[in-house]
Amino acid sequence: VWARENTRREIFEAMRRKEVYCTTGTRLRVRLFAGWDFGADEVSRPDFVSVGYKRGVPMGGDLTDVPQGAVPRFLIRAQRDPDGANLDRVQIIKGWLDGENNTHERVYDVAVSDGRSIGEDGRCRVPVGSTVDIENATYTNSIGDVFLAAHWEDPDFDPKQPAFYYVRVLEIPTPRWTTHDAAFFGIKRPDNVPATIQDRAYTSPVWFTP
């Protein structure tokens, strides 16, 4: 919960405005702001949060009053759990409703670790790799990044179509809990589940309604 203060009132207010995100267990951090005029350099400003609130909306917010010819622009920062795994990538998932009331969804990679590149289709096709030692249920943070940031503009925005955008942050692979149990208790790993997992975070969406 991104609350203004660590008080019951402010925590519930943050929930009411949906300025919240969830993780699959780790304590990584992610912030998302959407607006109409964010510049690429603003994601690295020291007053990044103040700018986001002043000229945009946070996760859970509604984008309104689209200026003529403008497209949604997003500022995103993600930081790993201090006691957890490095980050693999940051993604934006866009959903929209076309003119015939058909739903669509598309995934865009907007920041990737280890100097990899994102293609013209908005996806990074090179996997981050894995350092997991399955037999010992260990891994190292020799791949991935501690911090990722992105400025992204919707390349296919249609101001006549309702849409939503949320952020997903993926960590590098780590041993799944069943792999930890097998190593700790000296038992056979189950063969019907993966040996590794990529923990992640999901933000509340930002909504656009024409």
N, C-alpha and C. Protein backbone atom coordinates (compact mmCIF):
# COMPACT_ATOMS: atom_id res chain seq x y z
N VAL A 1 0.85 -1.18 0.00
CA VAL A 1 0.00 0.00 0.00
C VAL A 1 0.89 1.24 0.00
N TRP A 2 0.64 2.17 -0.96
CA TRP A 2 1.38 3.43 -0.96
C TRP A 2 0.55 4.46 -0.22
N ALA A 3 0.73 4.51 1.10
CA ALA A 3 -0.02 5.43 1.95
C ALA A 3 0.82 6.67 2.25
N ARG A 4 0.14 7.78 2.47
CA ARG A 4 0.84 9.03 2.79
C ARG A 4 1.48 8.98 4.17
N GLU A 5 0.85 8.25 5.09
CA GLU A 5 1.37 8.09 6.44
C GLU A 5 1.12 6.66 6.90
N ASN A 6 1.89 6.23 7.88
CA ASN A 6 1.70 4.89 8.43
C ASN A 6 0.65 4.92 9.54
N THR A 7 -0.59 5.23 9.11
CA THR A 7 -1.70 5.29 10.04
C THR A 7 -2.86 4.48 9.46
N ARG A 8 -3.76 4.05 10.34
CA ARG A 8 -4.91 3.29 9.89
C ARG A 8 -5.70 4.06 8.83
N ARG A 9 -5.95 5.33 9.12
CA ARG A 9 -6.75 6.15 8.21
C ARG A 9 -6.12 6.23 6.82
N GLU A 10 -4.81 6.54 6.77
CA GLU A 10 -4.16 6.72 5.48
C GLU A 10 -4.01 5.40 4.72
N ILE A 11 -3.82 4.31 5.44
CA ILE A 11 -3.73 3.01 4.78
C ILE A 11 -5.06 2.65 4.13
N PHE A 12 -6.16 2.89 4.84
CA PHE A 12 -7.47 2.61 4.25
C PHE A 12 -7.80 3.58 3.12
N GLU A 13 -7.34 4.82 3.22
CA GLU A 13 -7.54 5.77 2.13
C GLU A 13 -6.80 5.31 0.87
N ALA A 14 -5.58 4.78 1.05
CA ALA A 14 -4.82 4.27 -0.09
C ALA A 14 -5.53 3.08 -0.73
N MET A 15 -6.11 2.22 0.10
CA MET A 15 -6.87 1.09 -0.45
C MET A 15 -8.09 1.58 -1.20
N ARG A 16 -8.74 2.62 -0.68
CA ARG A 16 -9.94 3.14 -1.33
C ARG A 16 -9.62 3.68 -2.71
N ARG A 17 -8.48 4.35 -2.85
CA ARG A 17 -8.13 4.89 -4.16
C ARG A 17 -7.34 3.88 -5.01
N LYS A 18 -7.19 2.65 -4.48
CA LYS A 18 -6.56 1.53 -5.20
C LYS A 18 -5.09 1.78 -5.51
N GLU A 19 -4.44 2.57 -4.67
CA GLU A 19 -3.00 2.79 -4.86
C GLU A 19 -2.24 1.68 -4.14
N VAL A 20 -2.37 0.48 -4.67
CA VAL A 20 -1.84 -0.72 -4.03
C VAL A 20 -1.25 -1.65 -5.10
N TYR A 21 -0.38 -2.53 -4.65
CA TYR A 21 0.12 -3.58 -5.53
C TYR A 21 0.32 -4.84 -4.70
N CYS A 22 0.46 -5.97 -5.38
CA CYS A 22 0.64 -7.24 -4.67
C CYS A 22 1.89 -7.94 -5.19
N THR A 23 2.40 -8.84 -4.39
CA THR A 23 3.53 -9.67 -4.80
C THR A 23 3.19 -11.13 -4.53
N THR A 24 4.00 -12.00 -5.09
CA THR A 24 3.80 -13.43 -4.85
C THR A 24 4.57 -13.91 -3.63
N GLY A 25 5.05 -12.99 -2.83
CA GLY A 25 5.71 -13.38 -1.58
C GLY A 25 6.86 -12.50 -1.18
N THR A 26 7.67 -12.08 -2.14
CA THR A 26 8.82 -11.24 -1.82
C THR A 26 8.38 -9.80 -1.59
N ARG A 27 9.29 -8.97 -1.13
CA ARG A 27 8.95 -7.60 -0.76
C ARG A 27 9.61 -6.60 -1.70
N LEU A 28 9.52 -6.86 -2.99
CA LEU A 28 10.04 -5.88 -3.94
C LEU A 28 9.11 -4.67 -3.98
N ARG A 29 9.59 -3.56 -4.50
CA ARG A 29 8.83 -2.31 -4.52
C ARG A 29 8.63 -1.86 -5.96
N VAL A 30 7.46 -1.30 -6.23
CA VAL A 30 7.17 -0.79 -7.57
C VAL A 30 6.26 0.41 -7.47
N ARG A 31 6.57 1.44 -8.27
CA ARG A 31 5.73 2.63 -8.35
C ARG A 31 5.40 2.89 -9.81
N LEU A 32 4.19 3.36 -10.04
CA LEU A 32 3.69 3.62 -11.37
C LEU A 32 2.91 4.93 -11.39
N PHE A 33 3.24 5.78 -12.36
CA PHE A 33 2.48 7.00 -12.60
C PHE A 33 2.17 7.09 -14.09
N ALA A 34 0.97 7.58 -14.40
CA ALA A 34 0.57 7.76 -15.80
C ALA A 34 0.11 9.19 -16.00
N GLY A 35 0.44 9.75 -17.15
CA GLY A 35 0.04 11.10 -17.47
C GLY A 35 0.10 11.33 -18.96
N TRP A 36 -0.06 12.58 -19.36
CA TRP A 36 -0.09 12.92 -20.78
C TRP A 36 1.18 13.60 -21.27
N ASP A 37 2.03 14.07 -20.36
CA ASP A 37 3.18 14.86 -20.82
C ASP A 37 4.49 14.51 -20.12
N PHE A 38 4.60 13.32 -19.54
CA PHE A 38 5.85 12.93 -18.89
C PHE A 38 6.97 12.80 -19.92
N GLY A 39 8.15 13.33 -19.59
CA GLY A 39 9.32 13.18 -20.44
C GLY A 39 10.16 11.99 -20.02
N ALA A 40 10.98 11.49 -20.94
CA ALA A 40 11.78 10.30 -20.67
C ALA A 40 12.76 10.51 -19.53
N ASP A 41 13.25 11.76 -19.35
CA ASP A 41 14.24 12.02 -18.32
C ASP A 41 13.63 12.11 -16.92
N GLU A 42 12.31 12.19 -16.84
CA GLU A 42 11.69 12.42 -15.54
C GLU A 42 11.64 11.18 -14.66
N VAL A 43 11.86 10.01 -15.24
CA VAL A 43 11.86 8.81 -14.42
C VAL A 43 13.08 8.77 -13.49
N SER A 44 14.12 9.54 -13.81
CA SER A 44 15.32 9.55 -12.98
C SER A 44 15.42 10.79 -12.10
N ARG A 45 14.37 11.62 -12.06
CA ARG A 45 14.41 12.82 -11.23
C ARG A 45 14.35 12.45 -9.75
N PRO A 46 15.05 13.21 -8.89
CA PRO A 46 14.98 12.93 -7.46
C PRO A 46 13.60 13.19 -6.88
N ASP A 47 12.82 14.07 -7.54
CA ASP A 47 11.44 14.33 -7.10
C ASP A 47 10.44 13.57 -7.96
N PHE A 48 10.83 12.39 -8.41
CA PHE A 48 10.02 11.53 -9.27
C PHE A 48 8.59 11.36 -8.75
N VAL A 49 8.45 11.10 -7.45
CA VAL A 49 7.12 10.86 -6.88
C VAL A 49 6.28 12.14 -6.91
N SER A 50 6.87 13.26 -6.52
CA SER A 50 6.15 14.53 -6.53
C SER A 50 5.66 14.89 -7.93
N VAL A 51 6.52 14.69 -8.91
CA VAL A 51 6.16 14.96 -10.30
C VAL A 51 5.02 14.05 -10.74
N GLY A 52 5.10 12.78 -10.34
CA GLY A 52 4.05 11.83 -10.71
C GLY A 52 2.69 12.24 -10.20
N TYR A 53 2.63 12.66 -8.94
CA TYR A 53 1.36 13.09 -8.37
C TYR A 53 0.89 14.42 -8.95
N LYS A 54 1.83 15.32 -9.22
CA LYS A 54 1.46 16.66 -9.67
C LYS A 54 0.91 16.66 -11.09
N ARG A 55 1.51 15.86 -11.99
CA ARG A 55 1.14 15.92 -13.40
C ARG A 55 0.53 14.63 -13.92
N GLY A 56 0.26 13.68 -13.03
CA GLY A 56 -0.32 12.43 -13.48
C GLY A 56 -1.14 11.78 -12.40
N VAL A 57 -1.38 10.49 -12.57
CA VAL A 57 -2.14 9.71 -11.59
C VAL A 57 -1.32 8.47 -11.23
N PRO A 58 -1.44 7.97 -9.99
CA PRO A 58 -0.72 6.77 -9.60
C PRO A 58 -1.49 5.51 -9.98
N MET A 59 -0.92 4.36 -9.69
CA MET A 59 -1.63 3.10 -9.89
C MET A 59 -3.00 3.16 -9.21
N GLY A 60 -4.00 2.63 -9.88
CA GLY A 60 -5.36 2.70 -9.37
C GLY A 60 -6.12 3.91 -9.83
N GLY A 61 -5.44 4.86 -10.51
CA GLY A 61 -6.07 6.11 -10.90
C GLY A 61 -6.74 6.04 -12.27
N ASP A 62 -7.39 7.14 -12.64
CA ASP A 62 -8.10 7.26 -13.91
C ASP A 62 -7.49 8.39 -14.74
N LEU A 63 -7.09 8.06 -15.97
CA LEU A 63 -6.62 9.07 -16.91
C LEU A 63 -7.84 9.68 -17.60
N THR A 64 -7.94 10.99 -17.58
CA THR A 64 -9.08 11.68 -18.18
C THR A 64 -8.60 12.89 -18.97
N ASP A 65 -9.53 13.51 -19.68
CA ASP A 65 -9.27 14.77 -20.39
C ASP A 65 -8.05 14.67 -21.30
N VAL A 66 -8.10 13.72 -22.23
CA VAL A 66 -6.96 13.53 -23.13
C VAL A 66 -6.76 14.75 -24.01
N PRO A 67 -5.55 15.34 -24.00
CA PRO A 67 -5.28 16.46 -24.90
C PRO A 67 -5.26 15.98 -26.36
N GLN A 68 -5.53 16.89 -27.27
CA GLN A 68 -5.54 16.56 -28.69
C GLN A 68 -4.19 16.00 -29.12
N GLY A 69 -4.19 14.79 -29.67
CA GLY A 69 -2.98 14.17 -30.18
C GLY A 69 -2.08 13.54 -29.14
N ALA A 70 -2.46 13.57 -27.87
CA ALA A 70 -1.62 13.01 -26.81
C ALA A 70 -1.82 11.51 -26.67
N VAL A 71 -0.84 10.84 -26.07
CA VAL A 71 -0.92 9.41 -25.76
C VAL A 71 -0.54 9.22 -24.30
N PRO A 72 -1.01 8.16 -23.66
CA PRO A 72 -0.61 7.92 -22.28
C PRO A 72 0.90 7.68 -22.17
N ARG A 73 1.49 8.30 -21.17
CA ARG A 73 2.92 8.13 -20.89
C ARG A 73 3.08 7.69 -19.44
N PHE A 74 4.00 6.76 -19.22
CA PHE A 74 4.13 6.11 -17.92
C PHE A 74 5.54 6.25 -17.38
N LEU A 75 5.63 6.49 -16.06
CA LEU A 75 6.89 6.48 -15.33
C LEU A 75 6.84 5.32 -14.35
N ILE A 76 7.86 4.46 -14.40
CA ILE A 76 7.86 3.24 -13.59
C ILE A 76 9.22 3.07 -12.94
N ARG A 77 9.20 2.72 -11.67
CA ARG A 77 10.41 2.34 -10.95
C ARG A 77 10.15 1.05 -10.19
N ALA A 78 11.12 0.15 -10.21
CA ALA A 78 11.02 -1.10 -9.47
C ALA A 78 12.34 -1.40 -8.79
N GLN A 79 12.27 -1.86 -7.56
CA GLN A 79 13.47 -2.17 -6.77
C GLN A 79 13.29 -3.53 -6.12
N ARG A 80 14.31 -4.33 -6.13
CA ARG A 80 14.23 -5.68 -5.60
C ARG A 80 14.04 -5.69 -4.08
N ASP A 81 13.55 -6.78 -3.57
CA ASP A 81 13.54 -7.04 -2.14
C ASP A 81 14.99 -7.05 -1.66
N PRO A 82 15.35 -6.28 -0.63
CA PRO A 82 16.74 -6.27 -0.16
C PRO A 82 17.27 -7.65 0.21
N ASP A 83 16.38 -8.53 0.62
CA ASP A 83 16.79 -9.89 0.99
C ASP A 83 16.42 -10.91 -0.08
N GLY A 84 16.04 -10.44 -1.26
CA GLY A 84 15.54 -11.35 -2.28
C GLY A 84 16.34 -11.35 -3.55
N ALA A 85 15.68 -11.77 -4.61
CA ALA A 85 16.33 -11.96 -5.91
C ALA A 85 16.35 -10.67 -6.72
N ASN A 86 17.34 -10.56 -7.60
CA ASN A 86 17.40 -9.45 -8.54
C ASN A 86 16.22 -9.48 -9.50
N LEU A 87 16.06 -8.39 -10.26
CA LEU A 87 14.94 -8.25 -11.18
C LEU A 87 15.32 -8.68 -12.60
N ASP A 88 14.39 -9.34 -13.24
CA ASP A 88 14.54 -9.76 -14.64
C ASP A 88 14.06 -8.67 -15.58
N ARG A 89 12.80 -8.24 -15.40
CA ARG A 89 12.21 -7.26 -16.32
C ARG A 89 10.99 -6.60 -15.71
N VAL A 90 10.61 -5.48 -16.33
CA VAL A 90 9.37 -4.78 -15.99
C VAL A 90 8.50 -4.79 -17.24
N GLN A 91 7.22 -5.10 -17.05
CA GLN A 91 6.29 -5.17 -18.16
C GLN A 91 5.08 -4.29 -17.92
N ILE A 92 4.49 -3.79 -19.00
CA ILE A 92 3.17 -3.19 -18.94
C ILE A 92 2.20 -4.10 -19.68
N ILE A 93 1.10 -4.41 -19.04
CA ILE A 93 0.04 -5.19 -19.68
C ILE A 93 -1.09 -4.22 -19.99
N LYS A 94 -1.43 -4.14 -21.25
CA LYS A 94 -2.51 -3.26 -21.71
C LYS A 94 -3.72 -4.10 -22.12
N GLY A 95 -4.89 -3.71 -21.67
CA GLY A 95 -6.13 -4.31 -22.14
C GLY A 95 -7.01 -3.23 -22.72
N TRP A 96 -7.77 -3.56 -23.75
CA TRP A 96 -8.63 -2.54 -24.35
C TRP A 96 -9.86 -3.18 -25.00
N LEU A 97 -10.83 -2.34 -25.27
CA LEU A 97 -12.09 -2.73 -25.88
C LEU A 97 -12.19 -2.05 -27.24
N ASP A 98 -12.31 -2.86 -28.31
CA ASP A 98 -12.36 -2.26 -29.64
C ASP A 98 -13.77 -1.78 -29.99
N GLY A 99 -13.92 -1.26 -31.21
CA GLY A 99 -15.18 -0.69 -31.62
C GLY A 99 -16.32 -1.68 -31.73
N GLU A 100 -15.99 -2.98 -31.76
CA GLU A 100 -17.01 -4.02 -31.84
C GLU A 100 -17.20 -4.72 -30.49
N ASN A 101 -16.72 -4.08 -29.44
CA ASN A 101 -16.83 -4.60 -28.07
C ASN A 101 -16.09 -5.91 -27.85
N ASN A 102 -15.01 -6.12 -28.60
CA ASN A 102 -14.14 -7.26 -28.38
C ASN A 102 -13.00 -6.86 -27.47
N THR A 103 -12.64 -7.71 -26.54
CA THR A 103 -11.55 -7.41 -25.61
C THR A 103 -10.22 -7.89 -26.17
N HIS A 104 -9.17 -7.16 -25.85
CA HIS A 104 -7.82 -7.49 -26.30
C HIS A 104 -6.85 -7.26 -25.15
N GLU A 105 -5.71 -7.92 -25.21
CA GLU A 105 -4.66 -7.73 -24.21
C GLU A 105 -3.31 -7.90 -24.88
N ARG A 106 -2.35 -7.09 -24.45
CA ARG A 106 -1.00 -7.19 -25.00
C ARG A 106 0.01 -6.89 -23.92
N VAL A 107 1.13 -7.61 -23.97
CA VAL A 107 2.22 -7.45 -23.01
C VAL A 107 3.38 -6.72 -23.68
N TYR A 108 3.88 -5.69 -23.00
CA TYR A 108 5.05 -4.95 -23.46
C TYR A 108 6.15 -5.06 -22.40
N ASP A 109 7.36 -5.44 -22.82
CA ASP A 109 8.52 -5.30 -21.95
C ASP A 109 8.98 -3.85 -22.03
N VAL A 110 9.13 -3.20 -20.88
CA VAL A 110 9.51 -1.78 -20.90
C VAL A 110 10.87 -1.53 -20.25
N ALA A 111 11.39 -2.49 -19.50
CA ALA A 111 12.74 -2.40 -18.93
C ALA A 111 13.24 -3.81 -18.71
N VAL A 112 14.48 -4.09 -19.10
CA VAL A 112 15.05 -5.42 -18.95
C VAL A 112 16.46 -5.30 -18.38
N SER A 113 16.89 -6.33 -17.68
CA SER A 113 18.18 -6.30 -16.99
C SER A 113 19.31 -6.79 -17.90
N ASP A 114 20.51 -6.59 -17.39
CA ASP A 114 21.72 -7.16 -17.99
C ASP A 114 22.01 -6.68 -19.41
N GLY A 115 21.56 -5.48 -19.74
CA GLY A 115 21.90 -4.91 -21.04
C GLY A 115 21.19 -5.54 -22.21
N ARG A 116 20.17 -6.34 -21.98
CA ARG A 116 19.42 -6.92 -23.08
C ARG A 116 18.60 -5.85 -23.79
N SER A 117 18.14 -6.14 -24.98
CA SER A 117 17.39 -5.15 -25.75
C SER A 117 15.95 -5.58 -25.94
N ILE A 118 15.10 -4.58 -26.17
CA ILE A 118 13.68 -4.80 -26.44
C ILE A 118 13.44 -4.55 -27.92
N GLY A 119 12.80 -5.50 -28.59
CA GLY A 119 12.57 -5.40 -30.02
C GLY A 119 11.49 -4.42 -30.39
N GLU A 120 11.31 -4.22 -31.70
CA GLU A 120 10.31 -3.29 -32.19
C GLU A 120 8.90 -3.75 -31.84
N ASP A 121 8.72 -5.05 -31.57
CA ASP A 121 7.41 -5.55 -31.18
C ASP A 121 7.13 -5.36 -29.70
N GLY A 122 8.06 -4.71 -28.98
CA GLY A 122 7.86 -4.45 -27.56
C GLY A 122 8.21 -5.61 -26.66
N ARG A 123 8.92 -6.59 -27.15
CA ARG A 123 9.27 -7.75 -26.32
C ARG A 123 10.77 -8.01 -26.37
N CYS A 124 11.30 -8.45 -25.24
CA CYS A 124 12.68 -8.92 -25.16
C CYS A 124 12.65 -10.44 -25.28
N ARG A 125 13.26 -10.97 -26.29
CA ARG A 125 13.21 -12.41 -26.56
C ARG A 125 14.35 -13.19 -25.93
N VAL A 126 15.29 -12.50 -25.30
CA VAL A 126 16.43 -13.17 -24.66
C VAL A 126 16.10 -13.39 -23.19
N PRO A 127 16.02 -14.63 -22.73
CA PRO A 127 15.72 -14.87 -21.31
C PRO A 127 16.85 -14.42 -20.41
N VAL A 128 16.51 -14.13 -19.17
CA VAL A 128 17.51 -13.65 -18.23
C VAL A 128 18.49 -14.74 -17.83
N GLY A 129 18.11 -15.99 -18.00
CA GLY A 129 18.95 -17.11 -17.58
C GLY A 129 18.57 -17.59 -16.19
N SER A 130 19.39 -18.46 -15.63
CA SER A 130 19.12 -18.99 -14.30
C SER A 130 20.41 -19.36 -13.60
N THR A 131 20.49 -19.07 -12.31
CA THR A 131 21.64 -19.46 -11.50
C THR A 131 21.24 -20.52 -10.47
N VAL A 132 20.04 -21.08 -10.60
CA VAL A 132 19.52 -21.99 -9.59
C VAL A 132 20.28 -23.32 -9.59
N ASP A 133 20.72 -23.72 -8.41
CA ASP A 133 21.27 -25.06 -8.17
C ASP A 133 20.11 -25.88 -7.59
N ILE A 134 19.49 -26.68 -8.43
CA ILE A 134 18.26 -27.37 -8.03
C ILE A 134 18.50 -28.36 -6.91
N GLU A 135 19.58 -29.11 -6.97
CA GLU A 135 19.82 -30.13 -5.94
C GLU A 135 20.01 -29.52 -4.56
N ASN A 136 20.63 -28.35 -4.51
CA ASN A 136 20.87 -27.69 -3.23
C ASN A 136 19.88 -26.58 -2.92
N ALA A 137 18.96 -26.32 -3.86
CA ALA A 137 17.93 -25.28 -3.69
C ALA A 137 18.54 -23.92 -3.35
N THR A 138 19.53 -23.50 -4.15
CA THR A 138 20.18 -22.21 -3.96
C THR A 138 20.22 -21.46 -5.28
N TYR A 139 20.53 -20.17 -5.19
CA TYR A 139 20.71 -19.35 -6.38
C TYR A 139 21.65 -18.22 -6.02
N THR A 140 22.13 -17.48 -7.01
CA THR A 140 22.97 -16.31 -6.77
C THR A 140 22.40 -15.12 -7.52
N ASN A 141 22.72 -13.93 -7.04
CA ASN A 141 22.29 -12.69 -7.71
C ASN A 141 23.36 -12.18 -8.66
N SER A 142 23.96 -13.11 -9.41
CA SER A 142 24.98 -12.72 -10.39
C SER A 142 24.36 -12.34 -11.73
N ILE A 143 23.05 -12.47 -11.87
CA ILE A 143 22.34 -12.00 -13.05
C ILE A 143 21.21 -11.09 -12.58
N GLY A 144 20.58 -10.38 -13.52
CA GLY A 144 19.51 -9.46 -13.16
C GLY A 144 20.04 -8.16 -12.59
N ASP A 145 19.11 -7.24 -12.31
CA ASP A 145 19.46 -5.93 -11.78
C ASP A 145 18.74 -5.66 -10.47
N VAL A 146 19.36 -4.85 -9.62
CA VAL A 146 18.76 -4.46 -8.35
C VAL A 146 17.61 -3.49 -8.57
N PHE A 147 17.73 -2.64 -9.59
CA PHE A 147 16.78 -1.56 -9.82
C PHE A 147 16.52 -1.44 -11.31
N LEU A 148 15.26 -1.25 -11.69
CA LEU A 148 14.89 -1.01 -13.08
C LEU A 148 13.91 0.17 -13.14
N ALA A 149 14.04 0.98 -14.17
CA ALA A 149 13.15 2.12 -14.35
C ALA A 149 12.80 2.24 -15.83
N ALA A 150 11.63 2.82 -16.10
CA ALA A 150 11.21 2.95 -17.49
C ALA A 150 10.29 4.14 -17.68
N HIS A 151 10.42 4.75 -18.85
CA HIS A 151 9.44 5.71 -19.38
C HIS A 151 8.88 5.06 -20.63
N TRP A 152 7.55 4.95 -20.70
CA TRP A 152 6.93 4.24 -21.83
C TRP A 152 5.72 5.00 -22.33
N GLU A 153 5.57 5.03 -23.65
CA GLU A 153 4.41 5.63 -24.29
C GLU A 153 3.65 4.54 -25.05
N ASP A 154 2.34 4.57 -24.99
CA ASP A 154 1.53 3.59 -25.71
C ASP A 154 1.64 3.85 -27.21
N PRO A 155 2.22 2.90 -27.98
CA PRO A 155 2.40 3.13 -29.41
C PRO A 155 1.13 2.92 -30.23
N ASP A 156 0.09 2.36 -29.62
CA ASP A 156 -1.13 2.04 -30.36
C ASP A 156 -2.37 2.64 -29.70
N PHE A 157 -2.21 3.79 -29.07
CA PHE A 157 -3.32 4.39 -28.35
C PHE A 157 -4.41 4.90 -29.29
N ASP A 158 -5.65 4.56 -28.94
CA ASP A 158 -6.82 5.07 -29.66
C ASP A 158 -7.71 5.76 -28.64
N PRO A 159 -7.85 7.08 -28.72
CA PRO A 159 -8.63 7.81 -27.70
C PRO A 159 -10.11 7.45 -27.69
N LYS A 160 -10.57 6.64 -28.66
CA LYS A 160 -11.97 6.23 -28.68
C LYS A 160 -12.19 4.89 -27.98
N GLN A 161 -11.09 4.24 -27.56
CA GLN A 161 -11.20 2.90 -26.99
C GLN A 161 -10.90 2.91 -25.48
N PRO A 162 -11.81 2.40 -24.65
CA PRO A 162 -11.49 2.23 -23.23
C PRO A 162 -10.30 1.29 -23.07
N ALA A 163 -9.46 1.57 -22.08
CA ALA A 163 -8.26 0.75 -21.89
C ALA A 163 -7.83 0.76 -20.43
N PHE A 164 -7.03 -0.24 -20.08
CA PHE A 164 -6.38 -0.25 -18.77
C PHE A 164 -4.92 -0.65 -18.96
N TYR A 165 -4.09 -0.25 -18.01
CA TYR A 165 -2.66 -0.54 -18.04
C TYR A 165 -2.21 -0.90 -16.63
N TYR A 166 -1.54 -2.03 -16.47
CA TYR A 166 -0.93 -2.33 -15.17
C TYR A 166 0.49 -2.83 -15.38
N VAL A 167 1.28 -2.76 -14.32
CA VAL A 167 2.69 -3.13 -14.39
C VAL A 167 2.90 -4.48 -13.71
N ARG A 168 3.74 -5.28 -14.33
CA ARG A 168 4.19 -6.55 -13.75
C ARG A 168 5.71 -6.54 -13.70
N VAL A 169 6.26 -6.89 -12.55
CA VAL A 169 7.71 -6.94 -12.35
C VAL A 169 8.11 -8.38 -12.07
N LEU A 170 9.06 -8.92 -12.82
CA LEU A 170 9.50 -10.29 -12.66
C LEU A 170 10.89 -10.33 -12.06
N GLU A 171 11.09 -11.22 -11.10
CA GLU A 171 12.41 -11.48 -10.56
C GLU A 171 13.11 -12.56 -11.39
N ILE A 172 14.41 -12.73 -11.17
CA ILE A 172 15.13 -13.83 -11.80
C ILE A 172 14.65 -15.15 -11.18
N PRO A 173 14.89 -16.29 -11.84
CA PRO A 173 14.44 -17.56 -11.28
C PRO A 173 15.09 -17.88 -9.93
N THR A 174 14.27 -18.44 -9.06
CA THR A 174 14.71 -18.92 -7.75
C THR A 174 14.10 -20.29 -7.50
N PRO A 175 14.61 -21.04 -6.53
CA PRO A 175 14.03 -22.36 -6.26
C PRO A 175 12.59 -22.26 -5.76
N ARG A 176 11.72 -23.10 -6.31
CA ARG A 176 10.35 -23.16 -5.82
C ARG A 176 10.34 -23.79 -4.43
N TRP A 177 9.28 -23.55 -3.65
CA TRP A 177 9.25 -24.05 -2.27
C TRP A 177 9.34 -25.57 -2.22
N THR A 178 8.82 -26.25 -3.26
CA THR A 178 8.93 -27.71 -3.29
C THR A 178 10.38 -28.15 -3.46
N THR A 179 11.17 -27.33 -4.17
CA THR A 179 12.59 -27.63 -4.33
C THR A 179 13.32 -27.43 -3.02
N HIS A 180 12.96 -26.36 -2.29
CA HIS A 180 13.53 -26.15 -0.95
C HIS A 180 13.20 -27.32 -0.03
N ASP A 181 11.96 -27.77 -0.02
CA ASP A 181 11.56 -28.88 0.85
C ASP A 181 12.31 -30.15 0.50
N ALA A 182 12.47 -30.42 -0.79
CA ALA A 182 13.18 -31.64 -1.20
C ALA A 182 14.61 -31.62 -0.73
N ALA A 183 15.28 -30.45 -0.84
CA ALA A 183 16.67 -30.36 -0.40
C ALA A 183 16.77 -30.44 1.12
N PHE A 184 15.85 -29.80 1.84
CA PHE A 184 15.91 -29.78 3.30
C PHE A 184 15.61 -31.14 3.91
N PHE A 185 14.59 -31.82 3.40
CA PHE A 185 14.16 -33.09 4.00
C PHE A 185 14.78 -34.30 3.32
N GLY A 186 15.54 -34.06 2.24
CA GLY A 186 16.17 -35.18 1.55
C GLY A 186 15.17 -36.09 0.87
N ILE A 187 14.13 -35.48 0.25
CA ILE A 187 13.11 -36.27 -0.42
C ILE A 187 13.11 -35.96 -1.91
N LYS A 188 12.38 -36.75 -2.67
CA LYS A 188 12.31 -36.57 -4.12
C LYS A 188 11.45 -35.35 -4.44
N ARG A 189 11.92 -34.57 -5.38
CA ARG A 189 11.11 -33.43 -5.84
C ARG A 189 9.92 -33.93 -6.63
N PRO A 190 8.75 -33.30 -6.49
CA PRO A 190 7.60 -33.67 -7.32
C PRO A 190 7.90 -33.36 -8.77
N ASP A 191 7.48 -34.24 -9.66
CA ASP A 191 7.78 -34.03 -11.08
C ASP A 191 6.62 -33.40 -11.84
N ASN A 192 5.57 -33.01 -11.11
CA ASN A 192 4.42 -32.39 -11.79
C ASN A 192 4.37 -30.87 -11.60
N VAL A 193 5.43 -30.28 -11.03
CA VAL A 193 5.54 -28.82 -10.88
C VAL A 193 6.96 -28.40 -11.24
N PRO A 194 7.16 -27.15 -11.66
CA PRO A 194 8.50 -26.69 -12.00
C PRO A 194 9.42 -26.67 -10.77
N ALA A 195 10.71 -26.81 -11.01
CA ALA A 195 11.69 -26.75 -9.92
C ALA A 195 12.02 -25.32 -9.53
N THR A 196 11.76 -24.38 -10.44
CA THR A 196 12.07 -22.97 -10.17
C THR A 196 10.83 -22.12 -10.38
N ILE A 197 10.92 -20.88 -9.91
CA ILE A 197 9.81 -19.95 -10.04
C ILE A 197 10.38 -18.54 -10.22
N GLN A 198 9.62 -17.68 -10.89
CA GLN A 198 9.98 -16.27 -10.97
C GLN A 198 8.93 -15.48 -10.19
N ASP A 199 9.26 -15.14 -8.95
CA ASP A 199 8.34 -14.33 -8.16
C ASP A 199 8.15 -12.98 -8.84
N ARG A 200 7.04 -12.31 -8.50
CA ARG A 200 6.69 -11.11 -9.24
C ARG A 200 5.78 -10.19 -8.44
N ALA A 201 5.56 -9.00 -8.98
CA ALA A 201 4.63 -8.04 -8.41
C ALA A 201 3.68 -7.58 -9.50
N TYR A 202 2.44 -7.23 -9.09
CA TYR A 202 1.43 -6.69 -9.99
C TYR A 202 0.87 -5.41 -9.37
N THR A 203 0.75 -4.36 -10.17
CA THR A 203 0.14 -3.13 -9.66
C THR A 203 -1.35 -3.09 -9.98
N SER A 204 -2.08 -2.25 -9.25
CA SER A 204 -3.42 -1.91 -9.69
C SER A 204 -3.33 -1.21 -11.05
N PRO A 205 -4.36 -1.35 -11.88
CA PRO A 205 -4.31 -0.71 -13.20
C PRO A 205 -4.51 0.80 -13.12
N VAL A 206 -4.08 1.46 -14.17
CA VAL A 206 -4.51 2.82 -14.48
C VAL A 206 -5.54 2.67 -15.59
N TRP A 207 -6.67 3.37 -15.44
CA TRP A 207 -7.79 3.21 -16.36
C TRP A 207 -7.93 4.44 -17.27
N PHE A 208 -8.27 4.18 -18.53
CA PHE A 208 -8.62 5.27 -19.45
C PHE A 208 -10.02 5.00 -20.00
N THR A 209 -10.89 5.99 -19.86
CA THR A 209 -12.25 5.90 -20.41
C THR A 209 -12.48 7.12 -21.30
N PRO A 210 -12.83 6.91 -22.57
CA PRO A 210 -13.06 8.05 -23.47
C PRO A 210 -14.17 8.98 -22.94
